């Protein structure tokens, strides 16, 4: 009975900690509370694993800043974003994607996901970590030459479209350390994102499974 009560208390404490982190960064993210907290929970899978924390598609930096609170200052954090919004959706991304991008008056448009680089700097400063690099530019320009010395422990992809997602996978998948986690933010949202993941895994004869945890899609690198 005591062990059960302690387990319940521990879960409640963890939940409160995650909610506190969300509240700290809610102005720097468009990710809903439940999904945000589940992203944080997944960090339990990589604690102690060497490698950098990489986010491609960072917007204002609120998600990776929350991850930084969990994983601490020992890690290197790399944020890649154009800070100019999303490129144009294509036919491969699906009709919904094209319609979303055309509806500039929608409250979910977020100025085509445009944010300032300064916002990301502020979020990461608020997280308390120091080893941070913010790389501005389109993925096709910045990712092919990206070389992470100690490999990647967490690769968080928030790229929306097919071409952008494929660019991340082509450039960085091989740098993810064994046991590392690849979080696919838009897998359940945009056709282009899910298709890019499937195409990449198939073309490279990968055996990794698509996993889900409370609505968050991810892969564990085998």
Foldseek 3Di string as FASTA:
>chain_A
DVVVVVVVVVVVVLVVVLQVLCVLQVVQDPDDSVVLSVLLVVCVLQAVPDAAAEEELQLLNSSVLSNCLNNDQVHAYEYEEQLQAADAADVQFDPVSNVLCVCCVDPPCVVNSHHDPVSSVVSNVSSVYDNYHYHHDQLVPPQQPDDTPTFHQEYEYDRSAQVSLLSCCVRHVVRHDQSHKYWQACCVPISNSVVNVVVVCVVVVHDWDFDDDSHITMTGHD
